[in-house]
Amino acid sequence: MGKWGGVLNAKMLTLRK
């Protein structure tokens, strides 16, 4: 459940960009 957190964070960052 660690890699999933990174993926979700990256997607949120991309959406915020």
N, C-alpha and C. Protein backbone atom coordinates (compact mmCIF):
# COMPACT_ATOMS: atom_id res chain seq x y z
N MET A 1 0.85 -1.20 0.00
CA MET A 1 0.00 0.00 0.00
C MET A 1 0.89 1.26 0.00
N GLY A 2 2.15 1.05 -0.33
CA GLY A 2 3.07 2.21 -0.34
C GLY A 2 3.16 2.79 -1.74
N LYS A 3 3.29 1.87 -2.73
CA LYS A 3 3.38 2.36 -4.12
C LYS A 3 2.09 3.06 -4.53
N TRP A 4 0.97 2.51 -4.10
CA TRP A 4 -0.33 3.12 -4.46
C TRP A 4 -0.39 4.57 -3.99
N GLY A 5 0.12 4.80 -2.77
CA GLY A 5 0.09 6.17 -2.21
C GLY A 5 0.88 7.12 -3.11
N GLY A 6 2.05 6.66 -3.59
CA GLY A 6 2.87 7.51 -4.47
C GLY A 6 2.13 7.80 -5.77
N VAL A 7 1.47 6.78 -6.31
CA VAL A 7 0.74 6.96 -7.58
C VAL A 7 -0.39 7.97 -7.40
N LEU A 8 -1.09 7.83 -6.29
CA LEU A 8 -2.22 8.75 -6.03
C LEU A 8 -1.70 10.17 -5.86
N ASN A 9 -0.57 10.28 -5.17
CA ASN A 9 0.02 11.61 -4.95
C ASN A 9 0.42 12.23 -6.27
N ALA A 10 1.02 11.44 -7.13
CA ALA A 10 1.48 11.95 -8.45
C ALA A 10 0.26 12.39 -9.27
N LYS A 11 -0.79 11.62 -9.22
CA LYS A 11 -2.00 11.97 -10.02
C LYS A 11 -2.61 13.26 -9.48
N MET A 12 -2.63 13.41 -8.18
CA MET A 12 -3.22 14.63 -7.58
C MET A 12 -2.37 15.84 -7.96
N LEU A 13 -1.04 15.64 -7.95
CA LEU A 13 -0.12 16.74 -8.29
C LEU A 13 -0.34 17.14 -9.75
N THR A 14 -0.50 16.15 -10.60
CA THR A 14 -0.69 16.43 -12.04
C THR A 14 -2.01 17.18 -12.24
N LEU A 15 -3.02 16.77 -11.50
CA LEU A 15 -4.34 17.42 -11.66
C LEU A 15 -4.26 18.87 -11.15
N ARG A 16 -3.49 19.03 -10.08
CA ARG A 16 -3.37 20.37 -9.48
C ARG A 16 -2.59 21.27 -10.45
N LYS A 17 -1.66 20.69 -11.16
CA LYS A 17 -0.85 21.48 -12.11
C LYS A 17 -1.80 22.00 -13.18
